Amino acid sequence: MVEEDGSFTTEQFSNHGTALAYGTYLVEVISGVANIQPPEVKAILGENYGNVKGPLLKAVPGGRILKLEKNFT
């Protein structure tokens, strides 16, 4: 769930309901391409994410996405 301040929460990560083994994991948060976003999102982010700049903006077939990758232990 995305919060008003832009942060998000999720359920605890698990391996089919059991605790994850100790180790390093990669979490990816990826938006859909801009043309599938609802009008209220497009109004803020711009057509094809035109109002967005920075390292999370990636070109993919069919448009652009926002992608964050983060390792955690």
C-alpha atoms as a PDB file:
ATOM      1  CA  MET A   1       0.000   0.000   0.000  1.00  0.00           C
ATOM      2  CA  VAL A   2       1.382   3.426  -0.957  1.00  0.00           C
ATOM      3  CA  GLU A   3       1.082   6.058   1.753  1.00  0.00           C
ATOM      4  CA  GLU A   4       0.334   9.752   1.199  1.00  0.00           C
ATOM      5  CA  ASP A   5       3.993  10.674   1.851  1.00  0.00           C
ATOM      6  CA  GLY A   6       5.154   8.297  -0.925  1.00  0.00           C
ATOM      7  CA  SER A   7       6.368   5.510   1.358  1.00  0.00           C
ATOM      8  CA  PHE A   8       4.812   2.082   1.159  1.00  0.00           C
ATOM      9  CA  THR A   9       4.114  -0.881   3.378  1.00  0.00           C
ATOM     10  CA  THR A  10       3.770  -4.550   2.617  1.00  0.00           C
ATOM     11  CA  GLU A  11       3.268  -7.786   4.439  1.00  0.00           C
ATOM     12  CA  GLN A  12       6.316  -9.494   5.884  1.00  0.00           C
ATOM     13  CA  PHE A  13       8.383 -11.229   3.216  1.00  0.00           C
ATOM     14  CA  SER A  14       8.356 -15.025   3.507  1.00  0.00           C
ATOM     15  CA  ASN A  15       9.089 -18.229   1.652  1.00  0.00           C
ATOM     16  CA  HIS A  16       5.593 -19.655   1.189  1.00  0.00           C
ATOM     17  CA  GLY A  17       4.678 -18.592   4.730  1.00  0.00           C
ATOM     18  CA  THR A  18       7.926 -19.555   6.460  1.00  0.00           C
ATOM     19  CA  ALA A  19      10.709 -17.187   7.478  1.00  0.00           C
ATOM     20  CA  LEU A  20      13.323 -16.353   4.868  1.00  0.00           C
ATOM     21  CA  ALA A  21      16.699 -18.008   5.250  1.00  0.00           C
ATOM     22  CA  TYR A  22      19.530 -15.687   6.246  1.00  0.00           C
ATOM     23  CA  GLY A  23      21.177 -14.166   3.209  1.00  0.00           C
ATOM     24  CA  THR A  24      21.098 -11.269   0.799  1.00  0.00           C
ATOM     25  CA  TYR A  25      17.931 -10.559  -1.175  1.00  0.00           C
ATOM     26  CA  LEU A  26      17.060  -8.199  -4.003  1.00  0.00           C
ATOM     27  CA  VAL A  27      13.781  -6.266  -3.919  1.00  0.00           C
ATOM     28  CA  GLU A  28      12.554  -4.682  -7.147  1.00  0.00           C
ATOM     29  CA  VAL A  29       9.774  -2.101  -7.291  1.00  0.00           C
ATOM     30  CA  ILE A  30       8.668  -1.510 -10.876  1.00  0.00           C
ATOM     31  CA  SER A  31       5.889   0.702 -12.230  1.00  0.00           C
ATOM     32  CA  GLY A  32       3.914  -0.126 -15.319  1.00  0.00           C
ATOM     33  CA  VAL A  33       4.668   1.723 -18.543  1.00  0.00           C
ATOM     34  CA  ALA A  34       3.287   5.236 -18.573  1.00  0.00           C
ATOM     35  CA  ASN A  35       0.537   4.640 -21.134  1.00  0.00           C
ATOM     36  CA  ILE A  36      -1.270   2.157 -18.833  1.00  0.00           C
ATOM     37  CA  GLN A  37      -1.347   4.536 -15.858  1.00  0.00           C
ATOM     38  CA  PRO A  38      -4.706   5.998 -14.841  1.00  0.00           C
ATOM     39  CA  PRO A  39      -5.422   9.631 -15.808  1.00  0.00           C
ATOM     40  CA  GLU A  40      -4.849  10.923 -12.257  1.00  0.00           C
ATOM     41  CA  VAL A  41      -1.338   9.408 -12.276  1.00  0.00           C
ATOM     42  CA  LYS A  42      -0.564  10.753 -15.755  1.00  0.00           C
ATOM     43  CA  ALA A  43      -1.671  14.215 -14.594  1.00  0.00           C
ATOM     44  CA  ILE A  44       1.092  14.192 -11.962  1.00  0.00           C
ATOM     45  CA  LEU A  45       3.866  12.220 -13.683  1.00  0.00           C
ATOM     46  CA  GLY A  46       3.260  13.548 -17.195  1.00  0.00           C
ATOM     47  CA  GLU A  47       2.766  11.829 -20.501  1.00  0.00           C
ATOM     48  CA  ASN A  48       5.335   8.988 -20.783  1.00  0.00           C
ATOM     49  CA  TYR A  49       6.651  10.095 -17.343  1.00  0.00           C
ATOM     50  CA  GLY A  50       7.676  13.419 -18.880  1.00  0.00           C
ATOM     51  CA  ASN A  51       7.629  15.163 -15.486  1.00  0.00           C
ATOM     52  CA  VAL A  52      10.012  12.590 -13.963  1.00  0.00           C
ATOM     53  CA  LYS A  53      13.793  12.808 -13.980  1.00  0.00           C
ATOM     54  CA  GLY A  54      16.462  10.737 -12.283  1.00  0.00           C
ATOM     55  CA  PRO A  55      18.109   7.339 -12.115  1.00  0.00           C
ATOM     56  CA  LEU A  56      14.902   5.365 -11.512  1.00  0.00           C
ATOM     57  CA  LEU A  57      13.497   6.248 -14.946  1.00  0.00           C
ATOM     58  CA  LYS A  58      14.208   3.453 -17.463  1.00  0.00           C
ATOM     59  CA  ALA A  59      13.413   3.054 -21.161  1.00  0.00           C
ATOM     60  CA  VAL A  60      11.785  -0.267 -22.049  1.00  0.00           C
ATOM     61  CA  PRO A  61       9.940  -1.581 -25.098  1.00  0.00           C
ATOM     62  CA  GLY A  62       6.603   0.229 -25.140  1.00  0.00           C
ATOM     63  CA  GLY A  63       7.635   3.295 -23.153  1.00  0.00           C
ATOM     64  CA  ARG A  64       9.296   4.159 -19.872  1.00  0.00           C
ATOM     65  CA  ILE A  65       9.013   2.747 -16.359  1.00  0.00           C
ATOM     66  CA  LEU A  66      10.208   3.611 -12.884  1.00  0.00           C
ATOM     67  CA  LYS A  67      12.394   0.901 -11.369  1.00  0.00           C
ATOM     68  CA  LEU A  68      14.070   0.667  -7.976  1.00  0.00           C
ATOM     69  CA  GLU A  69      16.364  -2.210  -7.012  1.00  0.00           C
ATOM     70  CA  LYS A  70      17.528  -2.607  -3.429  1.00  0.00           C
ATOM     71  CA  ASN A  71      19.565  -5.342  -1.765  1.00  0.00           C
ATOM     72  CA  PHE A  72      18.863  -6.200   1.856  1.00  0.00           C
ATOM     73  CA  THR A  73      20.046  -8.797   4.348  1.00  0.00           C
END
